């Protein structure tokens, strides 16, 4: 009788955990953008909200949480404070499973960003410079950027080539 009770209890706990996991998963699902989309993500992803893509407006990106750092860049004057979504967090949110992020800008410029090292290197998809949204005319609305001043190892051409502005699309390869 004791083993029958234990089995029922274990099955009940497993069923409860399954329901809880499903509930958490449903809450974490991507929402449909309410404003104009600024980013589309395709390729090897498991989370979708429009066909086989993950589509984000600015509010959807911000809902993932933002980070900021102050750094100089080869393309701007002086040190600025950049704020945006960690690329690693964005990749987690869409269930990315690849080795490369192919970033495409509004002008069709393409940059390949390795998935490996994203979190450690601190790459962000910047949405604001010095607290203000970036217009298209000034590298916006989205700019892949690294904290160059915090890590001298990032100050090299191979990393600079990953930084692209006016990002409109990411494809996970």
Protein backbone atom coordinates (compact mmCIF):
# COMPACT_ATOMS: atom_id res chain seq x y z
CA UNK A 1 0.00 0.00 0.00
CA UNK A 2 2.86 2.41 0.84
CA UNK A 3 4.46 1.87 -2.59
CA UNK A 4 1.13 2.52 -4.34
CA UNK A 5 0.76 5.80 -2.42
CA UNK A 6 4.36 6.79 -3.25
CA UNK A 7 3.86 6.10 -6.96
CA UNK A 8 0.67 8.18 -7.02
CA UNK A 9 2.40 11.00 -5.21
CA UNK A 10 5.37 10.94 -7.60
CA UNK A 11 3.04 10.89 -10.61
CA UNK A 12 1.07 13.78 -9.13
CA UNK A 13 4.26 15.79 -8.57
CA UNK A 14 5.48 15.07 -12.11
CA UNK A 15 2.11 16.11 -13.58
CA UNK A 16 2.14 19.30 -11.51
CA UNK A 17 5.67 20.13 -12.63
CA UNK A 18 4.66 19.55 -16.26
CA UNK A 19 1.72 21.94 -15.94
CA UNK A 20 3.91 24.54 -14.21
CA UNK A 21 6.57 24.23 -16.91
CA UNK A 22 3.95 24.62 -19.63
CA UNK A 23 2.56 27.70 -17.89
CA UNK A 24 5.98 29.30 -17.59
CA UNK A 25 6.72 28.46 -21.23
CA UNK A 26 3.43 30.04 -22.35
CA UNK A 27 4.19 33.21 -20.40
CA UNK A 28 7.67 33.39 -21.95
CA UNK A 29 6.31 33.03 -25.49
CA UNK A 30 6.99 35.93 -27.83
CA UNK A 31 4.22 38.48 -28.11
CA UNK A 32 3.01 40.03 -31.34
CA UNK A 33 4.41 43.53 -31.89
CA UNK A 34 1.89 46.31 -31.29
CA UNK A 35 4.00 48.99 -33.00
CA UNK A 36 5.99 48.98 -36.22
CA UNK A 37 8.47 46.08 -36.27
CA UNK A 38 12.13 47.09 -36.08
CA UNK A 39 13.71 43.62 -36.13
CA UNK A 40 13.00 40.26 -37.76
CA UNK A 41 14.86 37.12 -36.74
CA UNK A 42 14.82 33.93 -38.80
CA UNK A 43 16.84 30.81 -39.39
CA UNK A 44 17.54 28.25 -36.67
CA UNK A 45 15.15 29.48 -33.98
CA UNK A 46 12.43 27.69 -32.04
CA UNK A 47 10.35 30.68 -30.90
CA UNK A 48 8.16 32.41 -33.49
CA UNK A 49 5.43 35.03 -33.41
CA UNK A 50 4.93 35.64 -37.13
CA UNK A 51 5.18 32.67 -39.46
CA UNK A 52 8.62 31.13 -39.03
CA UNK A 53 10.17 34.36 -37.72
CA UNK A 54 10.47 36.22 -34.44
CA UNK A 55 9.43 39.83 -34.98
CA UNK A 56 10.09 42.63 -32.49
CA UNK A 57 9.06 46.22 -32.04
CA UNK A 58 11.09 48.42 -29.67
CA UNK A 59 8.84 47.57 -26.70
CA UNK A 60 9.30 43.84 -27.35
CA UNK A 61 13.07 44.21 -27.37
CA UNK A 62 13.04 46.30 -24.21
CA UNK A 63 10.85 43.72 -22.49
CA UNK A 64 13.82 41.32 -22.69
CA UNK A 65 15.78 43.66 -20.41
CA UNK A 66 18.52 46.08 -21.31
CA UNK A 67 22.14 46.65 -20.35
CA UNK A 68 24.31 49.68 -20.82
CA UNK A 69 27.99 50.48 -20.99
CA UNK A 70 30.10 53.50 -21.80
CA UNK A 71 32.62 53.07 -24.58
CA UNK A 72 34.26 54.81 -27.48
CA UNK A 73 33.98 53.34 -30.96
CA UNK A 74 35.92 53.77 -34.20
CA UNK A 75 32.76 55.28 -35.78
CA UNK A 76 31.75 57.89 -33.21
CA UNK A 77 33.47 60.78 -31.41
CA UNK A 78 34.31 60.42 -27.73
CA UNK A 79 32.78 58.09 -25.18
CA UNK A 80 29.03 57.48 -25.27
CA UNK A 81 26.72 55.42 -23.11
CA UNK A 82 25.04 52.71 -25.19
CA UNK A 83 21.96 50.82 -24.01
CA UNK A 84 20.32 47.77 -25.51
CA UNK A 85 19.49 44.09 -25.28
CA UNK A 86 22.33 41.66 -24.70
CA UNK A 87 22.62 39.66 -27.91
CA UNK A 88 22.99 36.51 -25.80
CA UNK A 89 19.64 37.22 -24.08
CA UNK A 90 17.98 37.90 -27.44
CA UNK A 91 19.31 34.60 -28.79
CA UNK A 92 17.97 32.81 -25.71
CA UNK A 93 14.55 34.45 -26.16
CA UNK A 94 14.20 33.16 -29.72
CA UNK A 95 15.67 29.73 -29.00
CA UNK A 96 18.60 30.23 -31.37
CA UNK A 97 20.70 27.16 -32.15
CA UNK A 98 23.40 27.98 -34.60
CA UNK A 99 26.98 29.12 -34.78
CA UNK A 100 26.57 32.48 -36.51
CA UNK A 101 24.25 35.46 -36.44
CA UNK A 102 24.03 37.02 -39.88
CA UNK A 103 23.04 40.66 -39.32
CA UNK A 104 21.56 42.58 -42.25
CA UNK A 105 21.28 46.35 -42.19
CA UNK A 106 18.66 48.53 -43.84
CA UNK A 107 21.15 49.24 -46.66
CA UNK A 108 21.75 45.46 -47.12
CA UNK A 109 25.19 45.55 -45.45
CA UNK A 110 25.83 42.12 -43.90
CA UNK A 111 27.97 41.28 -40.87
CA UNK A 112 28.50 37.83 -39.37
CA UNK A 113 28.67 37.59 -35.59
CA UNK A 114 29.81 34.34 -33.97
CA UNK A 115 27.38 32.99 -31.37
CA UNK A 116 30.30 31.72 -29.33
CA UNK A 117 31.40 34.24 -26.73
CA UNK A 118 28.39 36.57 -26.99
CA UNK A 119 27.70 36.59 -23.26
CA UNK A 120 31.34 36.79 -22.20
CA UNK A 121 32.12 39.60 -24.64
CA UNK A 122 29.00 41.57 -23.66
CA UNK A 123 27.73 42.35 -27.17
CA UNK A 124 24.48 44.31 -27.24
CA UNK A 125 21.93 45.32 -29.80
CA UNK A 126 22.03 49.00 -28.87
CA UNK A 127 18.77 50.96 -29.04
CA UNK A 128 19.85 54.16 -27.30
CA UNK A 129 22.92 56.37 -27.29
CA UNK A 130 23.31 58.65 -24.27
CA UNK A 131 19.72 57.90 -23.27
CA UNK A 132 18.14 58.80 -26.61
CA UNK A 133 16.80 56.52 -29.34
CA UNK A 134 19.06 56.47 -32.38
CA UNK A 135 17.53 57.68 -35.63
CA UNK A 136 18.31 55.89 -38.88
CA UNK A 137 20.40 58.91 -39.90
CA UNK A 138 22.68 58.29 -36.90
CA UNK A 139 23.30 54.51 -36.83
CA UNK A 140 19.84 53.57 -35.57
CA UNK A 141 17.52 52.21 -34.79
CA UNK A 142 19.64 49.16 -33.82
CA UNK A 143 23.43 48.88 -33.62
CA UNK A 144 25.47 45.77 -32.74
CA UNK A 145 28.14 46.97 -30.35
CA UNK A 146 30.75 45.65 -27.92
CA UNK A 147 32.18 47.31 -24.77
CA UNK A 148 35.52 48.10 -26.40
CA UNK A 149 36.87 50.26 -23.58
CA UNK A 150 36.25 47.50 -21.00
CA UNK A 151 38.18 44.82 -22.88
CA UNK A 152 41.22 45.59 -25.02
CA UNK A 153 40.90 42.14 -26.67
CA UNK A 154 37.78 43.47 -28.41
CA UNK A 155 39.74 46.32 -29.99
CA UNK A 156 40.64 44.50 -33.18
CA UNK A 157 39.45 44.53 -36.78
CA UNK A 158 37.83 41.09 -36.59
CA UNK A 159 35.50 42.36 -33.82
CA UNK A 160 34.93 45.77 -35.41
CA UNK A 161 33.69 43.96 -38.54
CA UNK A 162 30.86 42.39 -36.47
CA UNK A 163 29.51 45.81 -35.51
CA UNK A 164 26.82 46.96 -37.86
CA UNK A 165 24.29 49.72 -37.53
CA UNK A 166 20.80 50.18 -38.94
CA UNK A 167 20.15 46.48 -38.23
CA UNK A 168 16.81 45.26 -39.56
CA UNK A 169 17.25 41.48 -39.65
CA UNK A 170 19.15 38.68 -37.94
CA UNK A 171 19.39 35.18 -39.39
CA UNK A 172 20.71 32.35 -37.27
CA UNK A 173 22.92 30.04 -39.31
